[in-house]
PDB file of all heavy atoms in Angstrom:
ATOM      1  N   SER A   1       0.820  -1.211  -0.020  1.00  0.00           N
ATOM      2  CA  SER A   1       0.026   0.026   0.027  1.00  0.00           C
ATOM      3  C   SER A   1       0.857   1.245   0.042  1.00  0.00           C
ATOM      4  O   SER A   1       1.976   1.233   0.581  1.00  0.00           O
ATOM      5  CB  SER A   1      -0.872   0.014   1.256  1.00  0.00           C
ATOM      6  OG  SER A   1      -1.801  -1.081   1.258  1.00  0.00           O
ATOM      7  N   CYS A   2       0.366   2.282  -0.600  1.00  0.00           N
ATOM      8  CA  CYS A   2       1.067   3.574  -0.581  1.00  0.00           C
ATOM      9  C   CYS A   2       0.057   4.639  -0.219  1.00  0.00           C
ATOM     10  O   CYS A   2      -0.802   5.014  -1.057  1.00  0.00           O
ATOM     11  CB  CYS A   2       1.675   3.825  -1.944  1.00  0.00           C
ATOM     12  SG  CYS A   2       2.312   5.579  -2.186  1.00  0.00           S
ATOM     13  N   ALA A   3       0.135   5.123   0.986  1.00  0.00           N
ATOM     14  CA  ALA A   3      -0.765   6.120   1.449  1.00  0.00           C
ATOM     15  C   ALA A   3      -0.246   7.504   1.136  1.00  0.00           C
ATOM     16  O   ALA A   3       0.919   7.759   1.444  1.00  0.00           O
ATOM     17  CB  ALA A   3      -0.956   6.016   2.992  1.00  0.00           C
ATOM     18  N   ALA A   4      -1.048   8.357   0.479  1.00  0.00           N
ATOM     19  CA  ALA A   4      -0.521   9.611  -0.044  1.00  0.00           C
ATOM     20  C   ALA A   4      -1.221  10.788   0.611  1.00  0.00           C
ATOM     21  O   ALA A   4      -2.417  10.731   1.040  1.00  0.00           O
ATOM     22  CB  ALA A   4      -0.779   9.657  -1.515  1.00  0.00           C
ATOM     23  N   SER A   5      -0.524  11.917   0.801  1.00  0.00           N
ATOM     24  CA  SER A   5      -1.140  13.127   1.293  1.00  0.00           C
ATOM     25  C   SER A   5      -0.346  14.387   0.744  1.00  0.00           C
ATOM     26  O   SER A   5       0.813  14.155   0.228  1.00  0.00           O
ATOM     27  CB  SER A   5      -1.095  13.093   2.822  1.00  0.00           C
ATOM     28  OG  SER A   5       0.211  13.094   3.301  1.00  0.00           O
ATOM     29  N   GLY A   6      -0.974  15.571   0.857  1.00  0.00           N
ATOM     30  CA  GLY A   6      -0.274  16.733   0.479  1.00  0.00           C
ATOM     31  C   GLY A   6      -0.454  17.182  -0.991  1.00  0.00           C
ATOM     32  O   GLY A   6       0.193  18.225  -1.422  1.00  0.00           O
ATOM     33  N   PHE A   7      -1.276  16.421  -1.747  1.00  0.00           N
ATOM     34  CA  PHE A   7      -1.596  16.841  -3.121  1.00  0.00           C
ATOM     35  C   PHE A   7      -2.922  16.217  -3.453  1.00  0.00           C
ATOM     36  O   PHE A   7      -3.453  15.441  -2.713  1.00  0.00           O
ATOM     37  CB  PHE A   7      -0.462  16.316  -4.053  1.00  0.00           C
ATOM     38  CG  PHE A   7      -0.343  14.837  -4.127  1.00  0.00           C
ATOM     39  CD1 PHE A   7      -0.815  14.043  -5.133  1.00  0.00           C
ATOM     40  CD2 PHE A   7       0.424  14.135  -3.134  1.00  0.00           C
ATOM     41  CE1 PHE A   7      -0.661  12.736  -5.209  1.00  0.00           C
ATOM     42  CE2 PHE A   7       0.567  12.751  -3.197  1.00  0.00           C
ATOM     43  CZ  PHE A   7       0.001  12.040  -4.236  1.00  0.00           C
ATOM     44  N   THR A   8      -3.417  16.596  -4.675  1.00  0.00           N
ATOM     45  CA  THR A   8      -4.717  16.081  -5.148  1.00  0.00           C
ATOM     46  C   THR A   8      -4.501  14.657  -5.714  1.00  0.00           C
ATOM     47  O   THR A   8      -4.223  14.513  -6.845  1.00  0.00           O
ATOM     48  CB  THR A   8      -5.281  17.031  -6.165  1.00  0.00           C
ATOM     49  OG1 THR A   8      -5.360  18.390  -5.510  1.00  0.00           O
ATOM     50  CG2 THR A   8      -6.763  16.575  -6.493  1.00  0.00           C
ATOM     51  N   PHE A   9      -4.632  13.673  -4.868  1.00  0.00           N
ATOM     52  CA  PHE A   9      -4.381  12.329  -5.286  1.00  0.00           C
ATOM     53  C   PHE A   9      -5.137  11.912  -6.487  1.00  0.00           C
ATOM     54  O   PHE A   9      -4.562  11.273  -7.451  1.00  0.00           O
ATOM     55  CB  PHE A   9      -4.631  11.342  -4.077  1.00  0.00           C
ATOM     56  CG  PHE A   9      -4.357   9.923  -4.308  1.00  0.00           C
ATOM     57  CD1 PHE A   9      -3.037   9.459  -4.251  1.00  0.00           C
ATOM     58  CD2 PHE A   9      -5.334   9.010  -4.681  1.00  0.00           C
ATOM     59  CE1 PHE A   9      -2.734   8.092  -4.500  1.00  0.00           C
ATOM     60  CE2 PHE A   9      -5.039   7.734  -4.885  1.00  0.00           C
ATOM     61  CZ  PHE A   9      -3.698   7.264  -4.806  1.00  0.00           C
ATOM     62  N   SER A  10      -6.403  12.261  -6.573  1.00  0.00           N
ATOM     63  CA  SER A  10      -7.271  11.793  -7.673  1.00  0.00           C
ATOM     64  C   SER A  10      -6.911  12.363  -8.956  1.00  0.00           C
ATOM     65  O   SER A  10      -7.356  11.941 -10.007  1.00  0.00           O
ATOM     66  CB  SER A  10      -8.716  12.147  -7.350  1.00  0.00           C
ATOM     67  OG  SER A  10      -8.896  13.494  -7.183  1.00  0.00           O
ATOM     68  N   SER A  11      -5.979  13.311  -9.031  1.00  0.00           N
ATOM     69  CA  SER A  11      -5.500  13.968 -10.313  1.00  0.00           C
ATOM     70  C   SER A  11      -4.124  13.522 -10.683  1.00  0.00           C
ATOM     71  O   SER A  11      -3.605  13.977 -11.678  1.00  0.00           O
ATOM     72  CB  SER A  11      -5.491  15.501 -10.155  1.00  0.00           C
ATOM     73  OG  SER A  11      -6.755  15.965  -9.903  1.00  0.00           O
ATOM     74  N   ALA A  12      -3.519  12.662  -9.880  1.00  0.00           N
ATOM     75  CA  ALA A  12      -2.082  12.247 -10.153  1.00  0.00           C
ATOM     76  C   ALA A  12      -1.917  10.760 -10.537  1.00  0.00           C
ATOM     77  O   ALA A  12      -2.556   9.832  -9.899  1.00  0.00           O
ATOM     78  CB  ALA A  12      -1.295  12.541  -8.846  1.00  0.00           C
ATOM     79  N   ALA A  13      -1.162  10.580 -11.567  1.00  0.00           N
ATOM     80  CA  ALA A  13      -0.745   9.263 -11.845  1.00  0.00           C
ATOM     81  C   ALA A  13       0.251   8.704 -10.755  1.00  0.00           C
ATOM     82  O   ALA A  13       0.978   9.579 -10.235  1.00  0.00           O
ATOM     83  CB  ALA A  13      -0.053   9.205 -13.206  1.00  0.00           C
ATOM     84  N   MET A  14       0.201   7.502 -10.498  1.00  0.00           N
ATOM     85  CA  MET A  14       1.109   6.964  -9.492  1.00  0.00           C
ATOM     86  C   MET A  14       1.942   5.761 -10.091  1.00  0.00           C
ATOM     87  O   MET A  14       1.497   5.117 -10.960  1.00  0.00           O
ATOM     88  CB  MET A  14       0.246   6.385  -8.304  1.00  0.00           C
ATOM     89  CG  MET A  14      -0.570   7.400  -7.618  1.00  0.00           C
ATOM     90  SD  MET A  14       0.399   8.656  -6.795  1.00  0.00           S
ATOM     91  CE  MET A  14       1.279   7.682  -5.528  1.00  0.00           C
ATOM     92  N   SER A  15       3.123   5.573  -9.465  1.00  0.00           N
ATOM     93  CA  SER A  15       3.989   4.541  -9.984  1.00  0.00           C
ATOM     94  C   SER A  15       4.608   3.703  -8.831  1.00  0.00           C
ATOM     95  O   SER A  15       4.733   4.310  -7.722  1.00  0.00           O
ATOM     96  CB  SER A  15       5.120   5.064 -10.809  1.00  0.00           C
ATOM     97  OG  SER A  15       4.642   5.862 -11.854  1.00  0.00           O
ATOM     98  N   TRP A  16       4.898   2.514  -9.045  1.00  0.00           N
ATOM     99  CA  TRP A  16       5.676   1.654  -8.117  1.00  0.00           C
ATOM    100  C   TRP A  16       7.010   1.364  -8.879  1.00  0.00           C
ATOM    101  O   TRP A  16       7.009   0.923 -10.069  1.00  0.00           O
ATOM    102  CB  TRP A  16       4.967   0.334  -7.842  1.00  0.00           C
ATOM    103  CG  TRP A  16       3.857   0.506  -6.872  1.00  0.00           C
ATOM    104  CD1 TRP A  16       2.446   0.681  -7.196  1.00  0.00           C
ATOM    105  CD2 TRP A  16       3.958   0.472  -5.410  1.00  0.00           C
ATOM    106  NE1 TRP A  16       1.727   0.738  -6.021  1.00  0.00           N
ATOM    107  CE2 TRP A  16       2.561   0.611  -4.958  1.00  0.00           C
ATOM    108  CE3 TRP A  16       4.983   0.415  -4.554  1.00  0.00           C
ATOM    109  CZ2 TRP A  16       2.347   0.662  -3.551  1.00  0.00           C
ATOM    110  CZ3 TRP A  16       4.692   0.368  -3.181  1.00  0.00           C
ATOM    111  CH2 TRP A  16       3.361   0.613  -2.737  1.00  0.00           C
ATOM    112  N   TYR A  17       8.039   1.532  -8.086  1.00  0.00           N
ATOM    113  CA  TYR A  17       9.391   1.118  -8.488  1.00  0.00           C
ATOM    114  C   TYR A  17       9.993   0.114  -7.497  1.00  0.00           C
ATOM    115  O   TYR A  17       9.492  -0.022  -6.399  1.00  0.00           O
ATOM    116  CB  TYR A  17      10.359   2.373  -8.528  1.00  0.00           C
ATOM    117  CG  TYR A  17      10.087   3.310  -9.677  1.00  0.00           C
ATOM    118  CD1 TYR A  17       8.951   4.105  -9.792  1.00  0.00           C
ATOM    119  CD2 TYR A  17      11.062   3.423 -10.765  1.00  0.00           C
ATOM    120  CE1 TYR A  17       8.768   4.966 -10.808  1.00  0.00           C
ATOM    121  CE2 TYR A  17      10.825   4.254 -11.807  1.00  0.00           C
ATOM    122  CZ  TYR A  17       9.692   5.021 -11.852  1.00  0.00           C
ATOM    123  OH  TYR A  17       9.538   5.867 -12.906  1.00  0.00           O
ATOM    124  N   ARG A  18      11.073  -0.476  -7.878  1.00  0.00           N
ATOM    125  CA  ARG A  18      11.818  -1.303  -6.987  1.00  0.00           C
ATOM    126  C   ARG A  18      13.301  -1.260  -7.209  1.00  0.00           C
ATOM    127  O   ARG A  18      13.744  -0.876  -8.313  1.00  0.00           O
ATOM    128  CB  ARG A  18      11.356  -2.784  -7.064  1.00  0.00           C
ATOM    129  CG  ARG A  18      11.681  -3.487  -8.381  1.00  0.00           C
ATOM    130  CD  ARG A  18      11.107  -4.885  -8.364  1.00  0.00           C
ATOM    131  NE  ARG A  18      11.477  -5.558  -9.616  1.00  0.00           N
ATOM    132  CZ  ARG A  18      10.896  -6.801  -9.912  1.00  0.00           C
ATOM    133  NH1 ARG A  18      10.031  -7.383  -9.130  1.00  0.00           N
ATOM    134  NH2 ARG A  18      11.246  -7.313 -11.096  1.00  0.00           N
ATOM    135  N   GLN A  19      14.096  -1.478  -6.192  1.00  0.00           N
ATOM    136  CA  GLN A  19      15.520  -1.475  -6.286  1.00  0.00           C
ATOM    137  C   GLN A  19      16.071  -2.672  -5.449  1.00  0.00           C
ATOM    138  O   GLN A  19      15.922  -2.770  -4.260  1.00  0.00           O
ATOM    139  CB  GLN A  19      16.117  -0.153  -5.754  1.00  0.00           C
ATOM    140  CG  GLN A  19      17.595   0.017  -6.019  1.00  0.00           C
ATOM    141  CD  GLN A  19      18.075   1.391  -5.795  1.00  0.00           C
ATOM    142  OE1 GLN A  19      17.437   2.227  -5.174  1.00  0.00           O
ATOM    143  NE2 GLN A  19      19.164   1.772  -6.435  1.00  0.00           N
ATOM    144  N   ALA A  20      16.733  -3.493  -6.202  1.00  0.00           N
ATOM    145  CA  ALA A  20      17.402  -4.631  -5.646  1.00  0.00           C
ATOM    146  C   ALA A  20      18.873  -4.289  -5.305  1.00  0.00           C
ATOM    147  O   ALA A  20      19.389  -3.358  -5.891  1.00  0.00           O
ATOM    148  CB  ALA A  20      17.389  -5.859  -6.557  1.00  0.00           C
ATOM    149  N   PRO A  21      19.500  -4.957  -4.364  1.00  0.00           N
ATOM    150  CA  PRO A  21      20.877  -4.658  -3.986  1.00  0.00           C
ATOM    151  C   PRO A  21      21.776  -4.701  -5.221  1.00  0.00           C
ATOM    152  O   PRO A  21      21.787  -5.688  -5.989  1.00  0.00           O
ATOM    153  CB  PRO A  21      21.240  -5.797  -3.042  1.00  0.00           C
ATOM    154  CG  PRO A  21      19.913  -6.214  -2.425  1.00  0.00           C
ATOM    155  CD  PRO A  21      18.916  -6.080  -3.507  1.00  0.00           C
ATOM    156  N   GLY A  22      22.585  -3.705  -5.361  1.00  0.00           N
ATOM    157  CA  GLY A  22      23.516  -3.543  -6.465  1.00  0.00           C
ATOM    158  C   GLY A  22      22.927  -3.307  -7.780  1.00  0.00           C
ATOM    159  O   GLY A  22      23.614  -3.309  -8.839  1.00  0.00           O
ATOM    160  N   LYS A  23      21.639  -2.995  -7.865  1.00  0.00           N
ATOM    161  CA  LYS A  23      20.965  -2.729  -9.141  1.00  0.00           C
ATOM    162  C   LYS A  23      20.352  -1.324  -9.137  1.00  0.00           C
ATOM    163  O   LYS A  23      20.102  -0.765  -8.106  1.00  0.00           O
ATOM    164  CB  LYS A  23      19.943  -3.757  -9.440  1.00  0.00           C
ATOM    165  CG  LYS A  23      20.493  -5.180  -9.583  1.00  0.00           C
ATOM    166  CD  LYS A  23      19.381  -6.121 -10.074  1.00  0.00           C
ATOM    167  CE  LYS A  23      19.974  -7.548 -10.384  1.00  0.00           C
ATOM    168  NZ  LYS A  23      18.910  -8.490 -10.804  1.00  0.00           N
ATOM    169  N   GLU A  24      20.074  -0.853 -10.388  1.00  0.00           N
ATOM    170  CA  GLU A  24      19.416   0.466 -10.390  1.00  0.00           C
ATOM    171  C   GLU A  24      17.876   0.272 -10.093  1.00  0.00           C
ATOM    172  O   GLU A  24      17.308  -0.793 -10.300  1.00  0.00           O
ATOM    173  CB  GLU A  24      19.509   0.954 -11.846  1.00  0.00           C
ATOM    174  CG  GLU A  24      21.010   1.277 -12.226  1.00  0.00           C
ATOM    175  CD  GLU A  24      21.070   2.028 -13.580  1.00  0.00           C
ATOM    176  OE1 GLU A  24      20.021   2.111 -14.285  1.00  0.00           O
ATOM    177  OE2 GLU A  24      22.221   2.480 -13.913  1.00  0.00           O
ATOM    178  N   ARG A  25      17.335   1.394  -9.725  1.00  0.00           N
ATOM    179  CA  ARG A  25      15.919   1.455  -9.466  1.00  0.00           C
ATOM    180  C   ARG A  25      15.183   1.281 -10.798  1.00  0.00           C
ATOM    181  O   ARG A  25      15.507   1.861 -11.790  1.00  0.00           O
ATOM    182  CB  ARG A  25      15.492   2.713  -8.752  1.00  0.00           C
ATOM    183  CG  ARG A  25      14.109   2.753  -8.206  1.00  0.00           C
ATOM    184  CD  ARG A  25      13.864   3.948  -7.326  1.00  0.00           C
ATOM    185  NE  ARG A  25      14.694   4.034  -6.160  1.00  0.00           N
ATOM    186  CZ  ARG A  25      14.626   4.873  -5.157  1.00  0.00           C
ATOM    187  NH1 ARG A  25      13.656   5.798  -5.222  1.00  0.00           N
ATOM    188  NH2 ARG A  25      15.461   4.859  -4.167  1.00  0.00           N
ATOM    189  N   GLU A  26      14.132   0.392 -10.780  1.00  0.00           N
ATOM    190  CA  GLU A  26      13.445   0.136 -11.987  1.00  0.00           C
ATOM    191  C   GLU A  26      11.883   0.340 -11.829  1.00  0.00           C
ATOM    192  O   GLU A  26      11.333   0.089 -10.719  1.00  0.00           O
ATOM    193  CB  GLU A  26      13.672  -1.294 -12.536  1.00  0.00           C
ATOM    194  CG  GLU A  26      13.160  -2.367 -11.638  1.00  0.00           C
ATOM    195  CD  GLU A  26      13.385  -3.745 -12.258  1.00  0.00           C
ATOM    196  OE1 GLU A  26      13.784  -3.875 -13.381  1.00  0.00           O
ATOM    197  OE2 GLU A  26      13.141  -4.784 -11.523  1.00  0.00           O
ATOM    198  N   LEU A  27      11.192   0.683 -12.918  1.00  0.00           N
ATOM    199  CA  LEU A  27       9.780   0.893 -12.883  1.00  0.00           C
ATOM    200  C   LEU A  27       9.129  -0.476 -12.870  1.00  0.00           C
ATOM    201  O   LEU A  27       9.391  -1.412 -13.704  1.00  0.00           O
ATOM    202  CB  LEU A  27       9.351   1.680 -14.083  1.00  0.00           C
ATOM    203  CG  LEU A  27       7.795   1.873 -14.270  1.00  0.00           C
ATOM    204  CD1 LEU A  27       7.213   2.683 -13.154  1.00  0.00           C
ATOM    205  CD2 LEU A  27       7.512   2.446 -15.604  1.00  0.00           C
ATOM    206  N   VAL A  28       8.186  -0.712 -11.934  1.00  0.00           N
ATOM    207  CA  VAL A  28       7.482  -1.939 -11.891  1.00  0.00           C
ATOM    208  C   VAL A  28       6.057  -1.816 -12.507  1.00  0.00           C
ATOM    209  O   VAL A  28       5.681  -2.603 -13.318  1.00  0.00           O
ATOM    210  CB  VAL A  28       7.324  -2.358 -10.434  1.00  0.00           C
ATOM    211  CG1 VAL A  28       6.460  -3.581 -10.311  1.00  0.00           C
ATOM    212  CG2 VAL A  28       8.650  -2.663  -9.820  1.00  0.00           C
ATOM    213  N   ALA A  29       5.356  -0.761 -12.142  1.00  0.00           N
ATOM    214  CA  ALA A  29       3.967  -0.610 -12.623  1.00  0.00           C
ATOM    215  C   ALA A  29       3.571   0.886 -12.479  1.00  0.00           C
ATOM    216  O   ALA A  29       4.074   1.569 -11.559  1.00  0.00           O
ATOM    217  CB  ALA A  29       3.061  -1.437 -11.901  1.00  0.00           C
ATOM    218  N   GLY A  30       2.598   1.301 -13.296  1.00  0.00           N
ATOM    219  CA  GLY A  30       2.112   2.613 -13.240  1.00  0.00           C
ATOM    220  C   GLY A  30       0.556   2.650 -13.473  1.00  0.00           C
ATOM    221  O   GLY A  30       0.109   1.710 -14.074  1.00  0.00           O
ATOM    222  N   ILE A  31      -0.053   3.684 -12.975  1.00  0.00           N
ATOM    223  CA  ILE A  31      -1.505   3.743 -13.073  1.00  0.00           C
ATOM    224  C   ILE A  31      -1.913   5.188 -13.259  1.00  0.00           C
ATOM    225  O   ILE A  31      -1.388   6.097 -12.622  1.00  0.00           O
ATOM    226  CB  ILE A  31      -2.230   3.105 -11.803  1.00  0.00           C
ATOM    227  CG1 ILE A  31      -3.690   3.018 -12.017  1.00  0.00           C
ATOM    228  CG2 ILE A  31      -1.890   3.872 -10.511  1.00  0.00           C
ATOM    229  CD1 ILE A  31      -4.430   2.158 -10.976  1.00  0.00           C
ATOM    230  N   SER A  32      -2.838   5.424 -14.125  1.00  0.00           N
ATOM    231  CA  SER A  32      -3.365   6.727 -14.378  1.00  0.00           C
ATOM    232  C   SER A  32      -4.166   7.310 -13.207  1.00  0.00           C
ATOM    233  O   SER A  32      -4.502   6.559 -12.332  1.00  0.00           O
ATOM    234  CB  SER A  32      -4.167   6.771 -15.671  1.00  0.00           C
ATOM    235  OG  SER A  32      -5.284   5.975 -15.508  1.00  0.00           O
ATOM    236  N   SER A  33      -4.505   8.530 -13.287  1.00  0.00           N
ATOM    237  CA  SER A  33      -5.208   9.172 -12.205  1.00  0.00           C
ATOM    238  C   SER A  33      -6.521   8.574 -11.905  1.00  0.00           C
ATOM    239  O   SER A  33      -6.922   8.462 -10.723  1.00  0.00           O
ATOM    240  CB  SER A  33      -5.394  10.689 -12.443  1.00  0.00           C
ATOM    241  OG  SER A  33      -6.126  10.885 -13.620  1.00  0.00           O
ATOM    242  N   THR A  34      -7.251   8.156 -12.959  1.00  0.00           N
ATOM    243  CA  THR A  34      -8.558   7.493 -12.761  1.00  0.00           C
ATOM    244  C   THR A  34      -8.505   6.002 -12.580  1.00  0.00           C
ATOM    245  O   THR A  34      -9.463   5.339 -12.270  1.00  0.00           O
ATOM    246  CB  THR A  34      -9.437   7.799 -13.963  1.00  0.00           C
ATOM    247  OG1 THR A  34      -8.879   7.101 -15.152  1.00  0.00           O
ATOM    248  CG2 THR A  34      -9.579   9.269 -14.196  1.00  0.00           C
ATOM    249  N   GLY A  35      -7.303   5.407 -12.855  1.00  0.00           N
ATOM    250  CA  GLY A  35      -7.128   3.982 -12.783  1.00  0.00           C
ATOM    251  C   GLY A  35      -7.474   3.238 -14.043  1.00  0.00           C
ATOM    252  O   GLY A  35      -7.333   2.039 -14.161  1.00  0.00           O
ATOM    253  N   GLY A  36      -7.798   4.031 -15.094  1.00  0.00           N
ATOM    254  CA  GLY A  36      -8.212   3.407 -16.361  1.00  0.00           C
ATOM    255  C   GLY A  36      -7.082   2.888 -17.177  1.00  0.00           C
ATOM    256  O   GLY A  36      -7.292   2.093 -18.054  1.00  0.00           O
ATOM    257  N   ILE A  37      -5.902   3.380 -16.906  1.00  0.00           N
ATOM    258  CA  ILE A  37      -4.693   2.909 -17.709  1.00  0.00           C
ATOM    259  C   ILE A  37      -3.697   2.445 -16.760  1.00  0.00           C
ATOM    260  O   ILE A  37      -3.339   3.122 -15.818  1.00  0.00           O
ATOM    261  CB  ILE A  37      -4.151   4.105 -18.552  1.00  0.00           C
ATOM    262  CG1 ILE A  37      -5.231   4.597 -19.529  1.00  0.00           C
ATOM    263  CG2 ILE A  37      -2.917   3.630 -19.305  1.00  0.00           C
ATOM    264  CD1 ILE A  37      -4.774   5.822 -20.273  1.00  0.00           C
ATOM    265  N   THR A  38      -3.139   1.221 -17.006  1.00  0.00           N
ATOM    266  CA  THR A  38      -2.113   0.660 -16.239  1.00  0.00           C
ATOM    267  C   THR A  38      -1.038   0.140 -17.090  1.00  0.00           C
ATOM    268  O   THR A  38      -1.229  -0.220 -18.260  1.00  0.00           O
ATOM    269  CB  THR A  38      -2.639  -0.486 -15.318  1.00  0.00           C
ATOM    270  OG1 THR A  38      -3.210  -1.474 -16.154  1.00  0.00           O
ATOM    271  CG2 THR A  38      -3.592   0.023 -14.310  1.00  0.00           C
ATOM    272  N   THR A  39       0.200   0.232 -16.636  1.00  0.00           N
ATOM    273  CA  THR A  39       1.316  -0.318 -17.383  1.00  0.00           C
ATOM    274  C   THR A  39       2.247  -1.180 -16.470  1.00  0.00           C
ATOM    275  O   THR A  39       2.228  -0.864 -15.198  1.00  0.00           O
ATOM    276  CB  THR A  39       2.220   0.824 -17.925  1.00  0.00           C
ATOM    277  OG1 THR A  39       2.646   1.649 -16.877  1.00  0.00           O
ATOM    278  CG2 THR A  39       1.442   1.698 -18.929  1.00  0.00           C
ATOM    279  N   TYR A  40       2.935  -2.119 -16.999  1.00  0.00           N
ATOM    280  CA  TYR A  40       3.712  -3.082 -16.207  1.00  0.00           C
ATOM    281  C   TYR A  40       5.060  -3.288 -16.907  1.00  0.00           C
ATOM    282  O   TYR A  40       5.115  -3.418 -18.084  1.00  0.00           O
ATOM    283  CB  TYR A  40       3.032  -4.392 -15.951  1.00  0.00           C
ATOM    284  CG  TYR A  40       1.735  -4.283 -15.235  1.00  0.00           C
ATOM    285  CD1 TYR A  40       0.499  -4.066 -15.917  1.00  0.00           C
ATOM    286  CD2 TYR A  40       1.700  -4.326 -13.860  1.00  0.00           C
ATOM    287  CE1 TYR A  40      -0.690  -3.960 -15.209  1.00  0.00           C
ATOM    288  CE2 TYR A  40       0.506  -4.148 -13.140  1.00  0.00           C
ATOM    289  CZ  TYR A  40      -0.714  -3.960 -13.817  1.00  0.00           C
ATOM    290  OH  TYR A  40      -1.836  -3.875 -13.108  1.00  0.00           O
ATOM    291  N   ALA A  41       6.063  -3.553 -16.078  1.00  0.00           N
ATOM    292  CA  ALA A  41       7.325  -4.112 -16.563  1.00  0.00           C
ATOM    293  C   ALA A  41       7.105  -5.518 -17.021  1.00  0.00           C
ATOM    294  O   ALA A  41       6.210  -6.231 -16.469  1.00  0.00           O
ATOM    295  CB  ALA A  41       8.328  -4.103 -15.479  1.00  0.00           C
TER     296      ALA A  41
END
């Protein structure tokens, strides 16, 4: 879970990233502001 505050959450796209030891941070998934569009690694 990612609890957000301090901005208009419903207007913002959100993303999940991950970083394994010794590796660069990579995009895992993204979602549009309404949830209608999602993308995945």
